[in-house]
Every structure is written in C-alpha cells, then in structure tokens.
Amino acid sequence: MRRLIDLLQREPAAIGTLVGSVLPALVLVGVLSVDEKAVAGLVVAVNAIVGFAVRLTVAPTTPTPST
C-alpha cells in the first residue's frame, strides 16, 4: 500500500491515464455506449478530481522549512 501511495504522490495523473486508456476500450467492445466527447469529458473530470484528491490525501502533513 505504501508503494501505491508513493507512486500516486509522484504521479497523481496515473489514474487519469489508466481511465483514459480503459474507457475507449470499453466503448469499443460495447460495454459502454458513449460518444467521443463524453469519453473526453470523463477523462478530464477523472484527472481533475482524482489528482486533487490524491494531492490532498498524500500531501505531507508537516510543513517543510523554507531556505
């Protein structure tokens, strides 16, 4: 679990990238029936929401001293 948190802290867009890769495949095989604009909107929304949530969740809680 710690490895996943470290990965998300370094690259929170990884989840959005995964969604961006999986959604078109789901549309292609007929699991979802949405158009291109909806897929694009979902990917952007997931990137924004997940990125923000990950940054809030895994952000360091102790302030770093400024130099």
N, C-alpha and C. Protein backbone atom coordinates (compact mmCIF):
# COMPACT_ATOMS: atom_id res chain seq x y z
N MET A 1 0.83 -1.19 0.00
CA MET A 1 0.00 0.00 0.00
C MET A 1 0.87 1.26 0.00
N ARG A 2 1.96 1.21 0.74
CA ARG A 2 2.85 2.38 0.80
C ARG A 2 3.43 2.68 -0.58
N ARG A 3 3.73 1.63 -1.33
CA ARG A 3 4.29 1.82 -2.67
C ARG A 3 3.28 2.53 -3.58
N LEU A 4 1.99 2.16 -3.46
CA LEU A 4 0.95 2.80 -4.25
C LEU A 4 0.83 4.28 -3.88
N ILE A 5 0.87 4.58 -2.61
CA ILE A 5 0.76 5.97 -2.16
C ILE A 5 1.96 6.78 -2.67
N ASP A 6 3.16 6.18 -2.60
CA ASP A 6 4.34 6.87 -3.13
C ASP A 6 4.21 7.13 -4.62
N LEU A 7 3.71 6.14 -5.34
CA LEU A 7 3.53 6.29 -6.79
C LEU A 7 2.53 7.40 -7.09
N LEU A 8 1.41 7.42 -6.37
CA LEU A 8 0.40 8.44 -6.61
C LEU A 8 0.89 9.83 -6.23
N GLN A 9 1.74 9.88 -5.20
CA GLN A 9 2.28 11.18 -4.79
C GLN A 9 3.20 11.73 -5.87
N ARG A 10 3.98 10.86 -6.49
CA ARG A 10 4.88 11.30 -7.55
C ARG A 10 4.12 11.59 -8.85
N GLU A 11 3.09 10.82 -9.13
CA GLU A 11 2.38 10.94 -10.40
C GLU A 11 0.88 10.72 -10.21
N PRO A 12 0.15 11.74 -9.72
CA PRO A 12 -1.29 11.58 -9.49
C PRO A 12 -2.10 11.43 -10.77
N ALA A 13 -1.54 11.78 -11.90
CA ALA A 13 -2.27 11.64 -13.15
C ALA A 13 -2.30 10.20 -13.66
N ALA A 14 -1.64 9.29 -12.93
CA ALA A 14 -1.59 7.90 -13.38
C ALA A 14 -2.99 7.29 -13.44
N ILE A 15 -3.85 7.65 -12.51
CA ILE A 15 -5.22 7.11 -12.52
C ILE A 15 -5.98 7.66 -13.72
N GLY A 16 -5.82 8.92 -14.01
CA GLY A 16 -6.48 9.50 -15.18
C GLY A 16 -5.98 8.88 -16.47
N THR A 17 -4.70 8.57 -16.51
CA THR A 17 -4.14 7.90 -17.68
C THR A 17 -4.73 6.51 -17.84
N LEU A 18 -4.88 5.81 -16.73
CA LEU A 18 -5.49 4.48 -16.77
C LEU A 18 -6.93 4.57 -17.27
N VAL A 19 -7.69 5.53 -16.75
CA VAL A 19 -9.07 5.71 -17.20
C VAL A 19 -9.10 6.09 -18.67
N GLY A 20 -8.16 6.96 -19.07
CA GLY A 20 -8.09 7.35 -20.47
C GLY A 20 -7.75 6.21 -21.40
N SER A 21 -7.09 5.21 -20.89
CA SER A 21 -6.76 4.04 -21.70
C SER A 21 -7.88 3.01 -21.71
N VAL A 22 -8.57 2.87 -20.60
CA VAL A 22 -9.58 1.83 -20.46
C VAL A 22 -10.93 2.24 -21.06
N LEU A 23 -11.33 3.49 -20.91
CA LEU A 23 -12.63 3.93 -21.41
C LEU A 23 -12.83 3.70 -22.90
N PRO A 24 -11.89 4.09 -23.75
CA PRO A 24 -12.10 3.81 -25.18
C PRO A 24 -12.21 2.32 -25.49
N ALA A 25 -11.46 1.50 -24.76
CA ALA A 25 -11.56 0.05 -24.97
C ALA A 25 -12.94 -0.46 -24.57
N LEU A 26 -13.48 0.06 -23.48
CA LEU A 26 -14.82 -0.36 -23.05
C LEU A 26 -15.88 0.08 -24.06
N VAL A 27 -15.69 1.24 -24.65
CA VAL A 27 -16.62 1.71 -25.68
C VAL A 27 -16.50 0.84 -26.92
N LEU A 28 -15.27 0.49 -27.27
CA LEU A 28 -15.02 -0.32 -28.47
C LEU A 28 -15.67 -1.69 -28.39
N VAL A 29 -15.58 -2.33 -27.22
CA VAL A 29 -16.17 -3.67 -27.08
C VAL A 29 -17.66 -3.63 -26.76
N GLY A 30 -18.22 -2.45 -26.59
CA GLY A 30 -19.65 -2.32 -26.39
C GLY A 30 -20.13 -2.37 -24.95
N VAL A 31 -19.20 -2.32 -23.99
CA VAL A 31 -19.59 -2.31 -22.58
C VAL A 31 -20.25 -0.98 -22.23
N LEU A 32 -19.72 0.11 -22.78
CA LEU A 32 -20.28 1.45 -22.59
C LEU A 32 -20.72 1.98 -23.94
N SER A 33 -21.77 2.74 -23.93
CA SER A 33 -22.20 3.37 -25.18
C SER A 33 -22.23 4.89 -24.99
N VAL A 34 -21.08 5.50 -25.18
CA VAL A 34 -20.94 6.95 -25.08
C VAL A 34 -20.15 7.44 -26.29
N ASP A 35 -20.32 8.71 -26.61
CA ASP A 35 -19.60 9.27 -27.75
C ASP A 35 -18.23 9.79 -27.33
N GLU A 36 -17.46 10.27 -28.30
CA GLU A 36 -16.09 10.72 -28.04
C GLU A 36 -16.03 11.88 -27.07
N LYS A 37 -16.99 12.79 -27.18
CA LYS A 37 -16.99 13.96 -26.30
C LYS A 37 -17.23 13.55 -24.85
N ALA A 38 -18.09 12.57 -24.64
CA ALA A 38 -18.34 12.10 -23.27
C ALA A 38 -17.11 11.41 -22.70
N VAL A 39 -16.43 10.61 -23.52
CA VAL A 39 -15.21 9.95 -23.06
C VAL A 39 -14.16 11.00 -22.70
N ALA A 40 -13.98 11.99 -23.54
CA ALA A 40 -13.01 13.05 -23.27
C ALA A 40 -13.38 13.80 -21.99
N GLY A 41 -14.64 14.11 -21.83
CA GLY A 41 -15.08 14.80 -20.62
C GLY A 41 -14.86 13.97 -19.37
N LEU A 42 -15.13 12.67 -19.46
CA LEU A 42 -14.91 11.80 -18.30
C LEU A 42 -13.43 11.71 -17.94
N VAL A 43 -12.58 11.62 -18.94
CA VAL A 43 -11.14 11.54 -18.66
C VAL A 43 -10.64 12.82 -18.01
N VAL A 44 -11.08 13.96 -18.51
CA VAL A 44 -10.66 15.24 -17.92
C VAL A 44 -11.20 15.37 -16.49
N ALA A 45 -12.45 14.98 -16.28
CA ALA A 45 -13.03 15.06 -14.94
C ALA A 45 -12.30 14.13 -13.96
N VAL A 46 -12.02 12.93 -14.39
CA VAL A 46 -11.30 11.99 -13.52
C VAL A 46 -9.91 12.52 -13.21
N ASN A 47 -9.22 13.03 -14.21
CA ASN A 47 -7.89 13.61 -13.96
C ASN A 47 -7.95 14.72 -12.92
N ALA A 48 -8.91 15.61 -13.06
CA ALA A 48 -9.01 16.75 -12.15
C ALA A 48 -9.39 16.31 -10.74
N ILE A 49 -10.43 15.50 -10.64
CA ILE A 49 -10.92 15.09 -9.31
C ILE A 49 -9.93 14.19 -8.60
N VAL A 50 -9.45 13.19 -9.29
CA VAL A 50 -8.51 12.26 -8.66
C VAL A 50 -7.20 12.94 -8.34
N GLY A 51 -6.71 13.76 -9.25
CA GLY A 51 -5.47 14.48 -8.98
C GLY A 51 -5.58 15.35 -7.74
N PHE A 52 -6.68 16.06 -7.61
CA PHE A 52 -6.90 16.91 -6.44
C PHE A 52 -7.02 16.08 -5.17
N ALA A 53 -7.80 15.00 -5.24
CA ALA A 53 -7.99 14.15 -4.06
C ALA A 53 -6.68 13.48 -3.64
N VAL A 54 -5.91 13.04 -4.61
CA VAL A 54 -4.62 12.40 -4.27
C VAL A 54 -3.69 13.40 -3.63
N ARG A 55 -3.65 14.59 -4.16
CA ARG A 55 -2.77 15.60 -3.57
C ARG A 55 -3.20 15.93 -2.15
N LEU A 56 -4.48 15.97 -1.88
CA LEU A 56 -4.95 16.22 -0.52
C LEU A 56 -4.65 15.04 0.40
N THR A 57 -4.77 13.83 -0.13
CA THR A 57 -4.61 12.64 0.69
C THR A 57 -3.16 12.33 1.00
N VAL A 58 -2.29 12.45 0.04
CA VAL A 58 -0.91 12.03 0.24
C VAL A 58 0.06 13.18 0.43
N ALA A 59 -0.44 14.38 0.53
CA ALA A 59 0.44 15.52 0.75
C ALA A 59 1.07 15.42 2.13
N PRO A 60 2.32 15.83 2.26
CA PRO A 60 2.97 15.80 3.58
C PRO A 60 2.21 16.68 4.56
N THR A 61 2.08 16.21 5.77
CA THR A 61 1.32 16.96 6.76
C THR A 61 2.19 17.93 7.53
N THR A 62 3.49 17.73 7.53
CA THR A 62 4.39 18.65 8.22
C THR A 62 4.98 19.63 7.21
N PRO A 63 4.94 20.89 7.53
CA PRO A 63 5.49 21.87 6.58
C PRO A 63 7.02 21.74 6.51
N THR A 64 7.54 21.91 5.33
CA THR A 64 9.00 21.86 5.16
C THR A 64 9.56 23.25 5.42
N PRO A 65 10.69 23.31 6.09
CA PRO A 65 11.27 24.65 6.39
C PRO A 65 11.76 25.30 5.10
N SER A 66 11.49 26.57 4.98
CA SER A 66 11.95 27.29 3.80
C SER A 66 13.39 27.71 3.97
N THR A 67 14.10 27.72 2.88
CA THR A 67 15.53 28.10 2.96
C THR A 67 15.79 29.39 2.26
